[in-house]
Amino acid sequence: MNPRAHDDLTKQCEEEKEKFSEFEKSEVKMREDLKHAKNKAKKLDKTVETERKKVGDGFLLMLYVALIKDAMPVSFRSALFTSYILTIFKQ
């Protein structure tokens, strides 16, 4: 192998290592964000269950909507809201 081809391959290898390193960093951040979101969802569920035991469903519905307002994207909120309403009326 000639020296120039070797240098080109070495340079390309280093560039790919840097790209992979950046990818690993972004993956770690995404995993941490996902873990945080799951923990937050568990905490919200626990809060809702505690409040359900304390008060009636009308107040709980307002609390639940207030809790999930900032915790989830709009599409998830509307799906959860609909699911929760159906759950209340089935009881």
N, C-alpha and C. Protein backbone atom coordinates (compact mmCIF):
# COMPACT_ATOMS: atom_id res chain seq x y z
N MET A 1 0.85 -1.17 0.00
CA MET A 1 0.00 0.00 0.00
C MET A 1 0.90 1.23 0.00
N ASN A 2 0.55 2.18 -0.84
CA ASN A 2 1.38 3.38 -0.90
C ASN A 2 1.08 4.30 0.29
N PRO A 3 2.03 5.14 0.64
CA PRO A 3 1.88 6.01 1.82
C PRO A 3 0.69 6.96 1.74
N ARG A 4 0.38 7.45 0.57
CA ARG A 4 -0.73 8.39 0.45
C ARG A 4 -2.07 7.71 0.75
N ALA A 5 -2.26 6.52 0.21
CA ALA A 5 -3.49 5.77 0.48
C ALA A 5 -3.61 5.44 1.96
N HIS A 6 -2.48 5.10 2.56
CA HIS A 6 -2.47 4.80 3.99
C HIS A 6 -2.87 6.04 4.80
N ASP A 7 -2.33 7.19 4.43
CA ASP A 7 -2.67 8.44 5.12
C ASP A 7 -4.15 8.79 4.95
N ASP A 8 -4.67 8.57 3.75
CA ASP A 8 -6.09 8.83 3.50
C ASP A 8 -6.98 7.92 4.36
N LEU A 9 -6.62 6.65 4.42
CA LEU A 9 -7.39 5.72 5.24
C LEU A 9 -7.30 6.07 6.73
N THR A 10 -6.13 6.48 7.17
CA THR A 10 -5.94 6.87 8.56
C THR A 10 -6.80 8.09 8.89
N LYS A 11 -6.81 9.05 7.99
CA LYS A 11 -7.61 10.26 8.19
C LYS A 11 -9.10 9.92 8.23
N GLN A 12 -9.53 9.06 7.30
CA GLN A 12 -10.93 8.66 7.25
C GLN A 12 -11.31 7.90 8.52
N CYS A 13 -10.42 7.06 8.99
CA CYS A 13 -10.67 6.30 10.22
C CYS A 13 -10.85 7.24 11.41
N GLU A 14 -10.02 8.25 11.51
CA GLU A 14 -10.11 9.22 12.61
C GLU A 14 -11.43 10.00 12.55
N GLU A 15 -11.84 10.37 11.34
CA GLU A 15 -13.11 11.09 11.17
C GLU A 15 -14.28 10.23 11.61
N GLU A 16 -14.24 8.95 11.24
CA GLU A 16 -15.32 8.04 11.63
C GLU A 16 -15.34 7.81 13.15
N LYS A 17 -14.16 7.75 13.75
CA LYS A 17 -14.09 7.61 15.21
C LYS A 17 -14.75 8.81 15.89
N GLU A 18 -14.50 10.01 15.38
CA GLU A 18 -15.10 11.22 15.94
C GLU A 18 -16.61 11.20 15.78
N LYS A 19 -17.09 10.80 14.60
CA LYS A 19 -18.54 10.70 14.37
C LYS A 19 -19.17 9.71 15.34
N PHE A 20 -18.51 8.57 15.52
CA PHE A 20 -19.04 7.55 16.42
C PHE A 20 -19.06 8.04 17.86
N SER A 21 -18.03 8.77 18.25
CA SER A 21 -17.97 9.33 19.59
C SER A 21 -19.13 10.30 19.83
N GLU A 22 -19.42 11.16 18.85
CA GLU A 22 -20.55 12.07 18.94
C GLU A 22 -21.86 11.31 19.03
N PHE A 23 -21.98 10.24 18.25
CA PHE A 23 -23.18 9.41 18.30
C PHE A 23 -23.37 8.80 19.68
N GLU A 24 -22.30 8.28 20.26
CA GLU A 24 -22.39 7.68 21.59
C GLU A 24 -22.84 8.70 22.62
N LYS A 25 -22.31 9.92 22.54
CA LYS A 25 -22.71 10.98 23.48
C LYS A 25 -24.19 11.30 23.34
N SER A 26 -24.68 11.39 22.11
CA SER A 26 -26.10 11.70 21.92
C SER A 26 -26.97 10.54 22.40
N GLU A 27 -26.50 9.31 22.23
CA GLU A 27 -27.26 8.15 22.70
C GLU A 27 -27.36 8.16 24.22
N VAL A 28 -26.28 8.47 24.89
CA VAL A 28 -26.29 8.53 26.35
C VAL A 28 -27.28 9.59 26.82
N LYS A 29 -27.27 10.75 26.17
CA LYS A 29 -28.20 11.81 26.54
C LYS A 29 -29.64 11.38 26.32
N MET A 30 -29.92 10.72 25.20
CA MET A 30 -31.28 10.25 24.94
C MET A 30 -31.72 9.22 25.96
N ARG A 31 -30.82 8.33 26.34
CA ARG A 31 -31.17 7.33 27.35
C ARG A 31 -31.45 7.98 28.70
N GLU A 32 -30.66 8.99 29.05
CA GLU A 32 -30.90 9.70 30.31
C GLU A 32 -32.22 10.45 30.27
N ASP A 33 -32.53 11.07 29.13
CA ASP A 33 -33.81 11.77 28.98
C ASP A 33 -34.98 10.80 29.10
N LEU A 34 -34.85 9.64 28.47
CA LEU A 34 -35.90 8.63 28.54
C LEU A 34 -36.09 8.14 29.97
N LYS A 35 -35.00 7.89 30.65
CA LYS A 35 -35.07 7.43 32.05
C LYS A 35 -35.75 8.49 32.91
N HIS A 36 -35.39 9.76 32.69
CA HIS A 36 -36.00 10.85 33.45
C HIS A 36 -37.50 10.93 33.17
N ALA A 37 -37.89 10.79 31.90
CA ALA A 37 -39.31 10.85 31.53
C ALA A 37 -40.09 9.70 32.16
N LYS A 38 -39.50 8.50 32.17
CA LYS A 38 -40.18 7.35 32.79
C LYS A 38 -40.34 7.56 34.29
N ASN A 39 -39.29 8.07 34.94
CA ASN A 39 -39.39 8.33 36.37
C ASN A 39 -40.44 9.39 36.68
N LYS A 40 -40.50 10.42 35.85
CA LYS A 40 -41.48 11.48 36.03
C LYS A 40 -42.90 10.93 35.85
N ALA A 41 -43.09 10.07 34.85
CA ALA A 41 -44.40 9.46 34.61
C ALA A 41 -44.81 8.59 35.79
N LYS A 42 -43.87 7.81 36.35
CA LYS A 42 -44.18 6.98 37.51
C LYS A 42 -44.59 7.85 38.69
N LYS A 43 -43.86 8.93 38.89
CA LYS A 43 -44.16 9.83 39.99
C LYS A 43 -45.55 10.45 39.81
N LEU A 44 -45.87 10.85 38.59
CA LEU A 44 -47.20 11.42 38.33
C LEU A 44 -48.30 10.39 38.56
N ASP A 45 -48.08 9.17 38.12
CA ASP A 45 -49.06 8.11 38.35
C ASP A 45 -49.28 7.88 39.84
N LYS A 46 -48.19 7.88 40.59
CA LYS A 46 -48.28 7.69 42.03
C LYS A 46 -49.06 8.83 42.68
N THR A 47 -48.79 10.06 42.25
CA THR A 47 -49.50 11.22 42.78
C THR A 47 -50.99 11.13 42.47
N VAL A 48 -51.31 10.75 41.25
CA VAL A 48 -52.71 10.63 40.85
C VAL A 48 -53.41 9.56 41.69
N GLU A 49 -52.76 8.43 41.88
CA GLU A 49 -53.37 7.36 42.67
C GLU A 49 -53.59 7.81 44.12
N THR A 50 -52.62 8.51 44.68
CA THR A 50 -52.76 9.02 46.04
C THR A 50 -53.93 9.98 46.14
N GLU A 51 -54.03 10.87 45.17
CA GLU A 51 -55.12 11.85 45.18
C GLU A 51 -56.47 11.18 44.94
N ARG A 52 -56.49 10.14 44.14
CA ARG A 52 -57.75 9.42 43.89
C ARG A 52 -58.30 8.85 45.19
N LYS A 53 -57.42 8.37 46.02
CA LYS A 53 -57.85 7.83 47.31
C LYS A 53 -58.39 8.92 48.22
N LYS A 54 -57.83 10.14 48.08
CA LYS A 54 -58.22 11.23 48.96
C LYS A 54 -59.53 11.91 48.54
N VAL A 55 -59.70 12.11 47.26
CA VAL A 55 -60.82 12.92 46.79
C VAL A 55 -61.57 12.23 45.66
N GLY A 56 -62.66 12.87 45.25
CA GLY A 56 -63.48 12.32 44.17
C GLY A 56 -62.84 12.48 42.81
N ASP A 57 -63.46 11.86 41.82
CA ASP A 57 -62.92 11.85 40.47
C ASP A 57 -62.95 13.21 39.79
N GLY A 58 -63.88 14.07 40.11
CA GLY A 58 -63.95 15.39 39.48
C GLY A 58 -62.71 16.21 39.76
N PHE A 59 -62.32 16.27 41.03
CA PHE A 59 -61.12 17.00 41.39
C PHE A 59 -59.89 16.31 40.83
N LEU A 60 -59.89 15.00 40.86
CA LEU A 60 -58.76 14.23 40.35
C LEU A 60 -58.53 14.52 38.87
N LEU A 61 -59.61 14.63 38.13
CA LEU A 61 -59.49 14.92 36.71
C LEU A 61 -58.78 16.26 36.50
N MET A 62 -59.17 17.27 37.24
CA MET A 62 -58.50 18.58 37.12
C MET A 62 -57.03 18.48 37.50
N LEU A 63 -56.73 17.73 38.55
CA LEU A 63 -55.34 17.56 38.99
C LEU A 63 -54.53 16.83 37.93
N TYR A 64 -55.09 15.78 37.38
CA TYR A 64 -54.38 14.99 36.38
C TYR A 64 -54.05 15.83 35.15
N VAL A 65 -55.01 16.61 34.70
CA VAL A 65 -54.78 17.47 33.54
C VAL A 65 -53.69 18.49 33.86
N ALA A 66 -53.72 19.04 35.06
CA ALA A 66 -52.69 20.01 35.44
C ALA A 66 -51.31 19.36 35.52
N LEU A 67 -51.23 18.14 36.01
CA LEU A 67 -49.95 17.46 36.14
C LEU A 67 -49.34 17.10 34.79
N ILE A 68 -50.16 16.63 33.87
CA ILE A 68 -49.61 16.18 32.60
C ILE A 68 -49.44 17.31 31.60
N LYS A 69 -49.92 18.49 31.94
CA LYS A 69 -49.84 19.62 31.02
C LYS A 69 -48.42 19.87 30.53
N ASP A 70 -47.47 19.89 31.44
CA ASP A 70 -46.09 20.19 31.06
C ASP A 70 -45.23 18.94 30.91
N ALA A 71 -45.76 17.79 31.29
CA ALA A 71 -44.94 16.59 31.30
C ALA A 71 -44.88 15.87 29.97
N MET A 72 -45.89 16.06 29.10
CA MET A 72 -45.95 15.27 27.88
C MET A 72 -46.37 16.12 26.69
N PRO A 73 -46.03 15.67 25.50
CA PRO A 73 -46.47 16.37 24.29
C PRO A 73 -47.99 16.34 24.15
N VAL A 74 -48.52 17.24 23.37
CA VAL A 74 -49.96 17.39 23.22
C VAL A 74 -50.63 16.10 22.76
N SER A 75 -50.04 15.39 21.82
CA SER A 75 -50.66 14.17 21.31
C SER A 75 -50.83 13.13 22.41
N PHE A 76 -49.82 13.00 23.29
CA PHE A 76 -49.93 12.05 24.40
C PHE A 76 -50.97 12.52 25.40
N ARG A 77 -51.00 13.84 25.67
CA ARG A 77 -51.96 14.37 26.63
C ARG A 77 -53.38 14.08 26.19
N SER A 78 -53.70 14.32 24.93
CA SER A 78 -55.07 14.10 24.47
C SER A 78 -55.43 12.61 24.54
N ALA A 79 -54.49 11.75 24.21
CA ALA A 79 -54.76 10.31 24.29
C ALA A 79 -54.96 9.88 25.74
N LEU A 80 -54.14 10.38 26.65
CA LEU A 80 -54.29 10.04 28.06
C LEU A 80 -55.59 10.58 28.62
N PHE A 81 -55.92 11.79 28.24
CA PHE A 81 -57.15 12.42 28.72
C PHE A 81 -58.35 11.60 28.28
N THR A 82 -58.39 11.23 27.02
CA THR A 82 -59.50 10.43 26.50
C THR A 82 -59.57 9.09 27.21
N SER A 83 -58.43 8.46 27.38
CA SER A 83 -58.39 7.17 28.07
C SER A 83 -58.89 7.30 29.50
N TYR A 84 -58.47 8.36 30.17
CA TYR A 84 -58.87 8.56 31.56
C TYR A 84 -60.37 8.82 31.67
N ILE A 85 -60.91 9.61 30.78
CA ILE A 85 -62.35 9.89 30.79
C ILE A 85 -63.13 8.60 30.60
N LEU A 86 -62.70 7.77 29.66
CA LEU A 86 -63.37 6.50 29.43
C LEU A 86 -63.30 5.60 30.65
N THR A 87 -62.17 5.63 31.34
CA THR A 87 -61.99 4.83 32.55
C THR A 87 -62.97 5.28 33.64
N ILE A 88 -63.14 6.57 33.79
CA ILE A 88 -64.04 7.11 34.82
C ILE A 88 -65.47 6.67 34.55
N PHE A 89 -65.91 6.79 33.30
CA PHE A 89 -67.30 6.48 32.99
C PHE A 89 -67.59 4.98 32.96
N LYS A 90 -66.58 4.17 32.86
CA LYS A 90 -66.79 2.71 32.90
C LYS A 90 -67.01 2.21 34.33
N GLN A 91 -66.56 3.01 35.31
CA GLN A 91 -66.64 2.57 36.71
C GLN A 91 -68.05 2.57 37.20
